[in-house]
PDB file of N, CA and C in Angstrom:
ATOM      1  N   LYS A   1     -12.340  23.737 -18.399  1.00  0.00           N
ATOM      2  CA  LYS A   1     -12.143  23.593 -16.965  1.00  0.00           C
ATOM      3  C   LYS A   1     -10.989  22.646 -16.679  1.00  0.00           C
ATOM      4  N   THR A   2      -9.889  22.839 -17.348  1.00  0.00           N
ATOM      5  CA  THR A   2      -8.725  21.992 -17.116  1.00  0.00           C
ATOM      6  C   THR A   2      -7.468  22.714 -17.575  1.00  0.00           C
ATOM      7  N   CYS A   3      -6.337  22.167 -17.202  1.00  0.00           N
ATOM      8  CA  CYS A   3      -5.065  22.726 -17.655  1.00  0.00           C
ATOM      9  C   CYS A   3      -4.908  22.442 -19.144  1.00  0.00           C
ATOM     10  N   ARG A   4      -4.196  23.304 -19.853  1.00  0.00           N
ATOM     11  CA  ARG A   4      -4.095  23.186 -21.305  1.00  0.00           C
ATOM     12  C   ARG A   4      -3.217  22.029 -21.756  1.00  0.00           C
ATOM     13  N   SER A   5      -2.332  21.551 -20.891  1.00  0.00           N
ATOM     14  CA  SER A   5      -1.512  20.387 -21.214  1.00  0.00           C
ATOM     15  C   SER A   5      -1.371  19.524 -19.963  1.00  0.00           C
ATOM     16  N   SER A   6      -0.833  18.348 -20.116  1.00  0.00           N
ATOM     17  CA  SER A   6      -0.750  17.396 -19.019  1.00  0.00           C
ATOM     18  C   SER A   6       0.131  17.904 -17.876  1.00  0.00           C
ATOM     19  N   CYS A   7      -0.371  17.755 -16.661  1.00  0.00           N
ATOM     20  CA  CYS A   7       0.422  18.111 -15.480  1.00  0.00           C
ATOM     21  C   CYS A   7       1.400  16.997 -15.118  1.00  0.00           C
ATOM     22  N   LYS A   8       1.256  15.836 -15.738  1.00  0.00           N
ATOM     23  CA  LYS A   8       2.144  14.704 -15.468  1.00  0.00           C
ATOM     24  C   LYS A   8       3.324  14.658 -16.436  1.00  0.00           C
ATOM     25  N   ASP A   9       3.214  15.319 -17.565  1.00  0.00           N
ATOM     26  CA  ASP A   9       4.187  15.229 -18.650  1.00  0.00           C
ATOM     27  C   ASP A   9       5.330  16.211 -18.443  1.00  0.00           C
ATOM     28  N   SER A  10       6.494  15.703 -18.106  1.00  0.00           N
ATOM     29  CA  SER A  10       7.642  16.574 -17.818  1.00  0.00           C
ATOM     30  C   SER A  10       8.133  17.319 -19.050  1.00  0.00           C
ATOM     31  N   SER A  11       7.635  16.945 -20.241  1.00  0.00           N
ATOM     32  CA  SER A  11       8.053  17.663 -21.448  1.00  0.00           C
ATOM     33  C   SER A  11       7.081  18.796 -21.801  1.00  0.00           C
ATOM     34  N   SER A  12       6.073  19.034 -20.938  1.00  0.00           N
ATOM     35  CA  SER A  12       5.119  20.114 -21.203  1.00  0.00           C
ATOM     36  C   SER A  12       5.852  21.437 -21.309  1.00  0.00           C
ATOM     37  N   SER A  13       5.458  22.229 -22.283  1.00  0.00           N
ATOM     38  CA  SER A  13       6.093  23.529 -22.466  1.00  0.00           C
ATOM     39  C   SER A  13       5.089  24.633 -22.154  1.00  0.00           C
ATOM     40  N   GLY A  14       5.561  25.842 -22.049  1.00  0.00           N
ATOM     41  CA  GLY A  14       4.691  26.974 -21.819  1.00  0.00           C
ATOM     42  C   GLY A  14       4.217  27.118 -20.389  1.00  0.00           C
ATOM     43  N   LEU A  15       4.968  26.559 -19.442  1.00  0.00           N
ATOM     44  CA  LEU A  15       4.574  26.667 -18.037  1.00  0.00           C
ATOM     45  C   LEU A  15       4.677  28.110 -17.568  1.00  0.00           C
ATOM     46  N   LYS A  16       3.757  28.485 -16.704  1.00  0.00           N
ATOM     47  CA  LYS A  16       3.752  29.822 -16.124  1.00  0.00           C
ATOM     48  C   LYS A  16       4.534  29.803 -14.818  1.00  0.00           C
ATOM     49  N   THR A  17       4.886  30.967 -14.322  1.00  0.00           N
ATOM     50  CA  THR A  17       5.641  31.089 -13.082  1.00  0.00           C
ATOM     51  C   THR A  17       4.968  30.313 -11.961  1.00  0.00           C
ATOM     52  N   GLY A  18       5.740  29.488 -11.273  1.00  0.00           N
ATOM     53  CA  GLY A  18       5.239  28.721 -10.136  1.00  0.00           C
ATOM     54  C   GLY A  18       4.706  27.355 -10.485  1.00  0.00           C
ATOM     55  N   GLU A  19       4.421  27.100 -11.765  1.00  0.00           N
ATOM     56  CA  GLU A  19       3.894  25.794 -12.159  1.00  0.00           C
ATOM     57  C   GLU A  19       4.989  24.742 -12.153  1.00  0.00           C
ATOM     58  N   THR A  20       4.601  23.510 -11.816  1.00  0.00           N
ATOM     59  CA  THR A  20       5.506  22.374 -11.914  1.00  0.00           C
ATOM     60  C   THR A  20       4.732  21.195 -12.476  1.00  0.00           C
ATOM     61  N   VAL A  21       5.395  20.368 -13.248  1.00  0.00           N
ATOM     62  CA  VAL A  21       4.792  19.163 -13.797  1.00  0.00           C
ATOM     63  C   VAL A  21       5.577  17.955 -13.316  1.00  0.00           C
ATOM     64  N   GLY A  22       4.911  16.827 -13.251  1.00  0.00           N
ATOM     65  CA  GLY A  22       5.558  15.600 -12.819  1.00  0.00           C
ATOM     66  C   GLY A  22       4.545  14.645 -12.210  1.00  0.00           C
ATOM     67  N   ALA A  23       5.043  13.545 -11.653  1.00  0.00           N
ATOM     68  CA  ALA A  23       4.197  12.463 -11.159  1.00  0.00           C
ATOM     69  C   ALA A  23       3.210  12.901 -10.086  1.00  0.00           C
ATOM     70  N   THR A  24       3.539  13.893  -9.275  1.00  0.00           N
ATOM     71  CA  THR A  24       2.639  14.310  -8.197  1.00  0.00           C
ATOM     72  C   THR A  24       1.978  15.660  -8.472  1.00  0.00           C
ATOM     73  N   SER A  25       2.013  16.111  -9.712  1.00  0.00           N
ATOM     74  CA  SER A  25       1.377  17.389 -10.050  1.00  0.00           C
ATOM     75  C   SER A  25      -0.080  17.180 -10.447  1.00  0.00           C
ATOM     76  N   ARG A  26      -0.900  18.183 -10.142  1.00  0.00           N
ATOM     77  CA  ARG A  26      -2.322  18.174 -10.456  1.00  0.00           C
ATOM     78  C   ARG A  26      -2.724  19.527 -11.019  1.00  0.00           C
ATOM     79  N   CYS A  27      -3.858  19.543 -11.650  1.00  0.00           N
ATOM     80  CA  CYS A  27      -4.411  20.777 -12.188  1.00  0.00           C
ATOM     81  C   CYS A  27      -5.303  21.416 -11.116  1.00  0.00           C
ATOM     82  N   PHE A  28      -4.975  22.641 -10.731  1.00  0.00           N
ATOM     83  CA  PHE A  28      -5.734  23.382  -9.722  1.00  0.00           C
ATOM     84  C   PHE A  28      -6.194  24.711 -10.310  1.00  0.00           C
ATOM     85  N   LEU A  29      -7.329  25.201  -9.827  1.00  0.00           N
ATOM     86  CA  LEU A  29      -7.791  26.534 -10.169  1.00  0.00           C
ATOM     87  C   LEU A  29      -6.956  27.534  -9.380  1.00  0.00           C
ATOM     88  N   ALA A  30      -6.397  28.513 -10.074  1.00  0.00           N
ATOM     89  CA  ALA A  30      -5.559  29.522  -9.417  1.00  0.00           C
ATOM     90  C   ALA A  30      -6.121  30.915  -9.678  1.00  0.00           C
ATOM     91  N   LYS A  31      -6.072  31.761  -8.657  1.00  0.00           N
ATOM     92  CA  LYS A  31      -6.319  33.189  -8.829  1.00  0.00           C
ATOM     93  C   LYS A  31      -4.949  33.817  -8.992  1.00  0.00           C
ATOM     94  N   LEU A  32      -4.728  34.428 -10.130  1.00  0.00           N
ATOM     95  CA  LEU A  32      -3.412  34.957 -10.451  1.00  0.00           C
ATOM     96  C   LEU A  32      -3.243  36.358  -9.887  1.00  0.00           C
ATOM     97  N   ALA A  33      -2.030  36.833  -9.906  1.00  0.00           N
ATOM     98  CA  ALA A  33      -1.702  38.142  -9.335  1.00  0.00           C
ATOM     99  C   ALA A  33      -2.537  39.266  -9.937  1.00  0.00           C
ATOM    100  N   ASP A  34      -2.920  39.143 -11.224  1.00  0.00           N
ATOM    101  CA  ASP A  34      -3.706  40.195 -11.876  1.00  0.00           C
ATOM    102  C   ASP A  34      -5.204  40.083 -11.590  1.00  0.00           C
ATOM    103  N   GLY A  35      -5.604  39.103 -10.771  1.00  0.00           N
ATOM    104  CA  GLY A  35      -7.004  38.944 -10.399  1.00  0.00           C
ATOM    105  C   GLY A  35      -7.774  37.965 -11.265  1.00  0.00           C
ATOM    106  N   SER A  36      -7.206  37.536 -12.385  1.00  0.00           N
ATOM    107  CA  SER A  36      -7.881  36.574 -13.254  1.00  0.00           C
ATOM    108  C   SER A  36      -7.763  35.162 -12.673  1.00  0.00           C
ATOM    109  N   GLU A  37      -8.598  34.249 -13.181  1.00  0.00           N
ATOM    110  CA  GLU A  37      -8.533  32.857 -12.760  1.00  0.00           C
ATOM    111  C   GLU A  37      -8.111  31.996 -13.940  1.00  0.00           C
ATOM    112  N   ALA A  38      -7.317  30.978 -13.655  1.00  0.00           N
ATOM    113  CA  ALA A  38      -6.854  30.057 -14.690  1.00  0.00           C
ATOM    114  C   ALA A  38      -6.510  28.726 -14.029  1.00  0.00           C
ATOM    115  N   TYR A  39      -6.487  27.675 -14.815  1.00  0.00           N
ATOM    116  CA  TYR A  39      -6.079  26.369 -14.309  1.00  0.00           C
ATOM    117  C   TYR A  39      -4.583  26.210 -14.544  1.00  0.00           C
ATOM    118  N   ARG A  40      -3.880  25.794 -13.495  1.00  0.00           N
ATOM    119  CA  ARG A  40      -2.423  25.668 -13.539  1.00  0.00           C
ATOM    120  C   ARG A  40      -1.986  24.353 -12.871  1.00  0.00           C
ATOM    121  N   CYS A  41      -0.798  23.894 -13.227  1.00  0.00           N
ATOM    122  CA  CYS A  41      -0.226  22.663 -12.669  1.00  0.00           C
ATOM    123  C   CYS A  41       0.652  22.973 -11.455  1.00  0.00           C
ATOM    124  N   TYR A  42       0.330  22.341 -10.333  1.00  0.00           N
ATOM    125  CA  TYR A  42       1.135  22.469  -9.117  1.00  0.00           C
ATOM    126  C   TYR A  42       1.289  21.096  -8.492  1.00  0.00           C
ATOM    127  N   ARG A  43       2.383  20.907  -7.759  1.00  0.00           N
ATOM    128  CA  ARG A  43       2.603  19.642  -7.064  1.00  0.00           C
ATOM    129  C   ARG A  43       1.674  19.538  -5.862  1.00  0.00           C
ATOM    130  N   ALA A  44       1.286  18.306  -5.541  1.00  0.00           N
ATOM    131  CA  ALA A  44       0.499  18.021  -4.349  1.00  0.00           C
ATOM    132  C   ALA A  44       1.264  17.013  -3.498  1.00  0.00           C
ATOM    133  N   ASP A  45       1.106  17.107  -2.191  1.00  0.00           N
ATOM    134  CA  ASP A  45       1.716  16.178  -1.243  1.00  0.00           C
ATOM    135  C   ASP A  45       0.634  15.770  -0.263  1.00  0.00           C
ATOM    136  N   CYS A  46       0.249  14.488  -0.305  1.00  0.00           N
ATOM    137  CA  CYS A  46      -0.868  14.018   0.519  1.00  0.00           C
ATOM    138  C   CYS A  46      -0.463  13.750   1.969  1.00  0.00           C
ATOM    139  N   GLU A  47       0.802  13.763   2.273  1.00  0.00           N
ATOM    140  CA  GLU A  47       1.308  13.617   3.646  1.00  0.00           C
ATOM    141  C   GLU A  47       0.799  12.348   4.327  1.00  0.00           C
ATOM    142  N   GLY A  48       0.787  11.235   3.593  1.00  0.00           N
ATOM    143  CA  GLY A  48       0.410   9.959   4.190  1.00  0.00           C
ATOM    144  C   GLY A  48      -1.063   9.621   4.036  1.00  0.00           C
ATOM    145  N   ALA A  49      -1.411   8.397   4.434  1.00  0.00           N
ATOM    146  CA  ALA A  49      -2.747   7.856   4.192  1.00  0.00           C
ATOM    147  C   ALA A  49      -3.819   8.372   5.139  1.00  0.00           C
ATOM    148  N   ARG A  50      -3.480   8.805   6.320  1.00  0.00           N
ATOM    149  CA  ARG A  50      -4.504   9.105   7.320  1.00  0.00           C
ATOM    150  C   ARG A  50      -4.795  10.584   7.504  1.00  0.00           C
ATOM    151  N   GLY A  51      -4.243  11.415   6.703  1.00  0.00           N
ATOM    152  CA  GLY A  51      -4.421  12.847   6.891  1.00  0.00           C
ATOM    153  C   GLY A  51      -5.803  13.358   6.521  1.00  0.00           C
ATOM    154  N   SER A  52      -6.112  14.536   7.002  1.00  0.00           N
ATOM    155  CA  SER A  52      -7.370  15.196   6.656  1.00  0.00           C
ATOM    156  C   SER A  52      -7.099  16.382   5.739  1.00  0.00           C
ATOM    157  N   HIS A  53      -5.863  16.509   5.305  1.00  0.00           N
ATOM    158  CA  HIS A  53      -5.450  17.637   4.483  1.00  0.00           C
ATOM    159  C   HIS A  53      -4.364  17.172   3.510  1.00  0.00           C
ATOM    160  N   TYR A  54      -3.927  18.070   2.676  1.00  0.00           N
ATOM    161  CA  TYR A  54      -2.778  17.842   1.799  1.00  0.00           C
ATOM    162  C   TYR A  54      -2.124  19.189   1.569  1.00  0.00           C
ATOM    163  N   ARG A  55      -0.940  19.185   0.974  1.00  0.00           N
ATOM    164  CA  ARG A  55      -0.249  20.431   0.684  1.00  0.00           C
ATOM    165  C   ARG A  55      -0.187  20.639  -0.819  1.00  0.00           C
ATOM    166  N   VAL A  56      -0.268  21.905  -1.224  1.00  0.00           N
ATOM    167  CA  VAL A  56      -0.011  22.304  -2.605  1.00  0.00           C
ATOM    168  C   VAL A  56       1.341  23.011  -2.578  1.00  0.00           C
ATOM    169  N   ILE A  57       2.173  22.687  -3.556  1.00  0.00           N
ATOM    170  CA  ILE A  57       3.543  23.204  -3.599  1.00  0.00           C
ATOM    171  C   ILE A  57       3.732  23.966  -4.900  1.00  0.00           C
ATOM    172  N   VAL A  58       4.173  25.202  -4.783  1.00  0.00           N
ATOM    173  CA  VAL A  58       4.418  26.029  -5.968  1.00  0.00           C
ATOM    174  C   VAL A  58       5.908  26.272  -6.132  1.00  0.00           C
ATOM    175  N   GLY A  59       6.295  26.552  -7.365  1.00  0.00           N
ATOM    176  CA  GLY A  59       7.667  26.956  -7.660  1.00  0.00           C
ATOM    177  C   GLY A  59       8.702  26.004  -7.117  1.00  0.00           C
ATOM    178  N   ASN A  60       9.647  26.556  -6.388  1.00  0.00           N
ATOM    179  CA  ASN A  60      10.791  25.774  -5.916  1.00  0.00           C
ATOM    180  C   ASN A  60      10.547  25.119  -4.561  1.00  0.00           C
ATOM    181  N   GLY A  61       9.306  24.990  -4.127  1.00  0.00           N
ATOM    182  CA  GLY A  61       9.017  24.250  -2.905  1.00  0.00           C
ATOM    183  C   GLY A  61       8.193  24.987  -1.870  1.00  0.00           C
ATOM    184  N   THR A  62       7.724  26.177  -2.175  1.00  0.00           N
ATOM    185  CA  THR A  62       6.878  26.905  -1.237  1.00  0.00           C
ATOM    186  C   THR A  62       5.538  26.186  -1.144  1.00  0.00           C
ATOM    187  N   ALA A  63       5.142  25.802   0.076  1.00  0.00           N
ATOM    188  CA  ALA A  63       3.943  24.985   0.259  1.00  0.00           C
ATOM    189  C   ALA A  63       2.930  25.664   1.165  1.00  0.00           C
ATOM    190  N   SER A  64       1.679  25.264   0.974  1.00  0.00           N
ATOM    191  CA  SER A  64       0.590  25.712   1.837  1.00  0.00           C
ATOM    192  C   SER A  64      -0.381  24.553   1.984  1.00  0.00           C
ATOM    193  N   ARG A  65      -0.992  24.426   3.143  1.00  0.00           N
ATOM    194  CA  ARG A  65      -1.855  23.295   3.465  1.00  0.00           C
ATOM    195  C   ARG A  65      -3.308  23.549   3.068  1.00  0.00           C
ATOM    196  N   CYS A  66      -3.898  22.564   2.391  1.00  0.00           N
ATOM    197  CA  CYS A  66      -5.321  22.599   2.042  1.00  0.00           C
ATOM    198  C   CYS A  66      -6.092  21.802   3.087  1.00  0.00           C
ATOM    199  N   THR A  67      -7.013  22.473   3.752  1.00  0.00           N
ATOM    200  CA  THR A  67      -7.844  21.819   4.759  1.00  0.00           C
ATOM    201  C   THR A  67      -9.329  21.942   4.450  1.00  0.00           C
ATOM    202  N   THR A  68      -9.712  22.918   3.622  1.00  0.00           N
ATOM    203  CA  THR A  68     -11.122  23.194   3.361  1.00  0.00           C
ATOM    204  C   THR A  68     -11.377  23.273   1.854  1.00  0.00           C
ATOM    205  N   PRO A  69     -12.176  22.338   1.297  1.00  0.00           N
ATOM    206  CA  PRO A  69     -12.482  22.396  -0.135  1.00  0.00           C
ATOM    207  C   PRO A  69     -13.124  23.730  -0.507  1.00  0.00           C
ATOM    208  N   GLY A  70     -12.679  24.278  -1.632  1.00  0.00           N
ATOM    209  CA  GLY A  70     -13.212  25.544  -2.126  1.00  0.00           C
ATOM    210  C   GLY A  70     -12.503  26.772  -1.585  1.00  0.00           C
ATOM    211  N   LYS A  71     -11.725  26.606  -0.532  1.00  0.00           N
ATOM    212  CA  LYS A  71     -10.988  27.737   0.040  1.00  0.00           C
ATOM    213  C   LYS A  71      -9.743  28.014  -0.805  1.00  0.00           C
ATOM    214  N   PHE A  72      -9.453  29.289  -1.037  1.00  0.00           N
ATOM    215  CA  PHE A  72      -8.232  29.662  -1.743  1.00  0.00           C
ATOM    216  C   PHE A  72      -7.117  29.849  -0.714  1.00  0.00           C
ATOM    217  N   ILE A  73      -5.972  29.223  -0.976  1.00  0.00           N
ATOM    218  CA  ILE A  73      -4.821  29.336  -0.083  1.00  0.00           C
ATOM    219  C   ILE A  73      -3.754  30.193  -0.748  1.00  0.00           C
ATOM    220  N   SER A  74      -2.972  30.883   0.069  1.00  0.00           N
ATOM    221  CA  SER A  74      -1.894  31.718  -0.463  1.00  0.00           C
ATOM    222  C   SER A  74      -0.556  31.117  -0.051  1.00  0.00           C
ATOM    223  N   PHE A  75       0.511  31.656  -0.634  1.00  0.00           N
ATOM    224  CA  PHE A  75       1.851  31.123  -0.447  1.00  0.00           C
ATOM    225  C   PHE A  75       2.805  32.256  -0.105  1.00  0.00           C
ATOM    226  N   SER A  76       3.632  32.021   0.865  1.00  0.00           N
ATOM    227  CA  SER A  76       4.598  33.028   1.280  1.00  0.00           C
ATOM    228  C   SER A  76       5.508  33.406   0.116  1.00  0.00           C
ATOM    229  N   GLY A  77       5.579  34.697  -0.173  1.00  0.00           N
ATOM    230  CA  GLY A  77       6.452  35.181  -1.236  1.00  0.00           C
ATOM    231  C   GLY A  77       5.857  35.105  -2.628  1.00  0.00           C
ATOM    232  N   TRP A  78       4.607  34.672  -2.764  1.00  0.00           N
ATOM    233  CA  TRP A  78       3.965  34.533  -4.067  1.00  0.00           C
ATOM    234  C   TRP A  78       2.719  35.397  -4.114  1.00  0.00           C
ATOM    235  N   SER A  79       2.422  35.951  -5.267  1.00  0.00           N
ATOM    236  CA  SER A  79       1.166  36.662  -5.477  1.00  0.00           C
ATOM    237  C   SER A  79       0.153  35.669  -6.025  1.00  0.00           C
ATOM    238  N   GLY A  80      -1.102  35.854  -5.684  1.00  0.00           N
ATOM    239  CA  GLY A  80      -2.132  34.950  -6.151  1.00  0.00           C
ATOM    240  C   GLY A  80      -2.425  33.867  -5.134  1.00  0.00           C
ATOM    241  N   SER A  81      -3.342  32.962  -5.494  1.00  0.00           N
ATOM    242  CA  SER A  81      -3.747  31.890  -4.587  1.00  0.00           C
ATOM    243  C   SER A  81      -4.248  30.691  -5.399  1.00  0.00           C
ATOM    244  N   VAL A  82      -4.451  29.558  -4.721  1.00  0.00           N
ATOM    245  CA  VAL A  82      -4.868  28.316  -5.356  1.00  0.00           C
ATOM    246  C   VAL A  82      -6.078  27.769  -4.603  1.00  0.00           C
ATOM    247  N   ALA A  83      -7.081  27.273  -5.345  1.00  0.00           N
ATOM    248  CA  ALA A  83      -8.290  26.701  -4.742  1.00  0.00           C
ATOM    249  C   ALA A  83      -8.048  25.262  -4.315  1.00  0.00           C
ATOM    250  N   CYS A  84      -8.440  24.958  -3.099  1.00  0.00           N
ATOM    251  CA  CYS A  84      -8.333  23.592  -2.587  1.00  0.00           C
ATOM    252  C   CYS A  84      -9.491  22.739  -3.094  1.00  0.00           C
ATOM    253  N   GLU A  85      -9.179  21.506  -3.408  1.00  0.00           N
ATOM    254  CA  GLU A  85     -10.194  20.510  -3.735  1.00  0.00           C
ATOM    255  C   GLU A  85     -10.360  19.619  -2.515  1.00  0.00           C
ATOM    256  N   ASP A  86     -11.420  18.833  -2.498  1.00  0.00           N
ATOM    257  CA  ASP A  86     -11.607  17.863  -1.431  1.00  0.00           C
ATOM    258  C   ASP A  86     -10.446  16.872  -1.455  1.00  0.00           C
ATOM    259  N   ARG A  87      -9.932  16.510  -0.285  1.00  0.00           N
ATOM    260  CA  ARG A  87      -8.786  15.603  -0.212  1.00  0.00           C
ATOM    261  C   ARG A  87      -9.054  14.298  -0.954  1.00  0.00           C
ATOM    262  N   SER A  88     -10.293  13.800  -0.905  1.00  0.00           N
ATOM    263  CA  SER A  88     -10.625  12.532  -1.568  1.00  0.00           C
ATOM    264  C   SER A  88     -10.487  12.626  -3.081  1.00  0.00           C
ATOM    265  N   GLN A  89     -10.511  13.828  -3.640  1.00  0.00           N
ATOM    266  CA  GLN A  89     -10.328  14.027  -5.075  1.00  0.00           C
ATOM    267  C   GLN A  89      -8.853  14.098  -5.459  1.00  0.00           C
ATOM    268  N   VAL A  90      -7.998  14.399  -4.489  1.00  0.00           N
ATOM    269  CA  VAL A  90      -6.574  14.604  -4.753  1.00  0.00           C
ATOM    270  C   VAL A  90      -5.736  13.407  -4.305  1.00  0.00           C
ATOM    271  N   CYS A  91      -6.105  12.806  -3.171  1.00  0.00           N
ATOM    272  CA  CYS A  91      -5.284  11.753  -2.561  1.00  0.00           C
ATOM    273  C   CYS A  91      -5.982  10.400  -2.600  1.00  0.00           C
ATOM    274  N   ASN A  92      -5.210   9.347  -2.855  1.00  0.00           N
ATOM    275  CA  ASN A  92      -5.778   8.008  -2.827  1.00  0.00           C
ATOM    276  C   ASN A  92      -5.688   7.424  -1.408  1.00  0.00           C
ATOM    277  N   ALA A  93      -6.231   6.225  -1.215  1.00  0.00           N
ATOM    278  CA  ALA A  93      -6.290   5.610   0.113  1.00  0.00           C
ATOM    279  C   ALA A  93      -4.918   5.329   0.702  1.00  0.00           C
ATOM    280  N   ASN A  94      -3.907   5.197  -0.149  1.00  0.00           N
ATOM    281  CA  ASN A  94      -2.554   4.917   0.326  1.00  0.00           C
ATOM    282  C   ASN A  94      -1.756   6.182   0.622  1.00  0.00           C
ATOM    283  N   GLY A  95      -2.373   7.348   0.420  1.00  0.00           N
ATOM    284  CA  GLY A  95      -1.671   8.606   0.677  1.00  0.00           C
ATOM    285  C   GLY A  95      -0.921   9.145  -0.522  1.00  0.00           C
ATOM    286  N   GLY A  96      -1.107   8.527  -1.676  1.00  0.00           N
ATOM    287  CA  GLY A  96      -0.484   9.024  -2.897  1.00  0.00           C
ATOM    288  C   GLY A  96      -1.393  10.010  -3.613  1.00  0.00           C
ATOM    289  N   VAL A  97      -0.848  10.711  -4.591  1.00  0.00           N
ATOM    290  CA  VAL A  97      -1.618  11.678  -5.371  1.00  0.00           C
ATOM    291  C   VAL A  97      -2.339  10.957  -6.497  1.00  0.00           C
ATOM    292  N   LYS A  98      -3.658  11.163  -6.575  1.00  0.00           N
ATOM    293  CA  LYS A  98      -4.471  10.570  -7.637  1.00  0.00           C
ATOM    294  C   LYS A  98      -4.239  11.295  -8.953  1.00  0.00           C
ATOM    295  N   THR A  99      -4.453  10.577 -10.035  1.00  0.00           N
ATOM    296  CA  THR A  99      -4.494  11.204 -11.347  1.00  0.00           C
ATOM    297  C   THR A  99      -5.870  11.828 -11.511  1.00  0.00           C
ATOM    298  N   ALA A 100      -5.922  13.101 -11.827  1.00  0.00           N
ATOM    299  CA  ALA A 100      -7.190  13.809 -11.983  1.00  0.00           C
ATOM    300  C   ALA A 100      -7.989  13.222 -13.141  1.00  0.00           C
ATOM    301  N   PHE A 101      -9.315  13.320 -13.067  1.00  0.00           N
ATOM    302  CA  PHE A 101     -10.189  12.817 -14.125  1.00  0.00           C
ATOM    303  C   PHE A 101      -9.782  13.381 -15.483  1.00  0.00           C
ATOM    304  N   GLU A 102      -9.473  14.683 -15.527  1.00  0.00           N
ATOM    305  CA  GLU A 102      -9.094  15.317 -16.788  1.00  0.00           C
ATOM    306  C   GLU A 102      -7.821  14.703 -17.351  1.00  0.00           C
ATOM    307  N   GLU A 103      -6.877  14.341 -16.477  1.00  0.00           N
ATOM    308  CA  GLU A 103      -5.631  13.705 -16.915  1.00  0.00           C
ATOM    309  C   GLU A 103      -5.919  12.305 -17.461  1.00  0.00           C
ATOM    310  N   GLN A 104      -6.796  11.558 -16.783  1.00  0.00           N
ATOM    311  CA  GLN A 104      -7.149  10.219 -17.264  1.00  0.00           C
ATOM    312  C   GLN A 104      -7.775  10.304 -18.650  1.00  0.00           C
ATOM    313  N   ARG A 105      -8.691  11.263 -18.845  1.00  0.00           N
ATOM    314  CA  ARG A 105      -9.351  11.439 -20.141  1.00  0.00           C
ATOM    315  C   ARG A 105      -8.329  11.816 -21.212  1.00  0.00           C
ATOM    316  N   ARG A 106      -7.406  12.724 -20.897  1.00  0.00           N
ATOM    317  CA  ARG A 106      -6.389  13.146 -21.855  1.00  0.00           C
ATOM    318  C   ARG A 106      -5.495  11.964 -22.243  1.00  0.00           C
ATOM    319  N   GLU A 107      -5.106  11.128 -21.244  1.00  0.00           N
ATOM    320  CA  GLU A 107      -4.254   9.975 -21.517  1.00  0.00           C
ATOM    321  C   GLU A 107      -4.949   8.988 -22.451  1.00  0.00           C
ATOM    322  N   LYS A 108      -6.259   8.753 -22.247  1.00  0.00           N
ATOM    323  CA  LYS A 108      -7.006   7.840 -23.108  1.00  0.00           C
ATOM    324  C   LYS A 108      -7.074   8.355 -24.531  1.00  0.00           C
ATOM    325  N   MET A 109      -7.232   9.654 -24.683  1.00  0.00           N
ATOM    326  CA  MET A 109      -7.315  10.259 -26.021  1.00  0.00           C
ATOM    327  C   MET A 109      -5.994  10.130 -26.763  1.00  0.00           C
ATOM    328  N   LEU A 110      -4.879  10.099 -26.052  1.00  0.00           N
ATOM    329  CA  LEU A 110      -3.559  10.014 -26.683  1.00  0.00           C
ATOM    330  C   LEU A 110      -3.184   8.595 -27.064  1.00  0.00           C
ATOM    331  N   GLN A 111      -3.917   7.601 -26.556  1.00  0.00           N
ATOM    332  CA  GLN A 111      -3.593   6.194 -26.842  1.00  0.00           C
ATOM    333  C   GLN A 111      -4.030   5.808 -28.223  1.00  0.00           C
TER     334      GLN A 111
END
């Protein structure tokens, strides 16, 4: 139930179409164009500390807003969709992107 490699590690290889890695990337459940489900790395934007939503960004910047946990959102010009998590799981109190539990566990294992 996690991405196969770190979403924070810019040297990650084997990325699929639309995936991005970096400081604000997280592992999200995605429904792919062929109907299968997989965990993929996408950027998140918490849009400040007081929001009730956040955005998921695929590929070269196409974004969609997450407002409802568990809802799958789609992206203009992209096939497939991404499942929203609760904002409290993605964004910290300062409006930054949290490191996912799976990423924290992976980082500890690498130390």
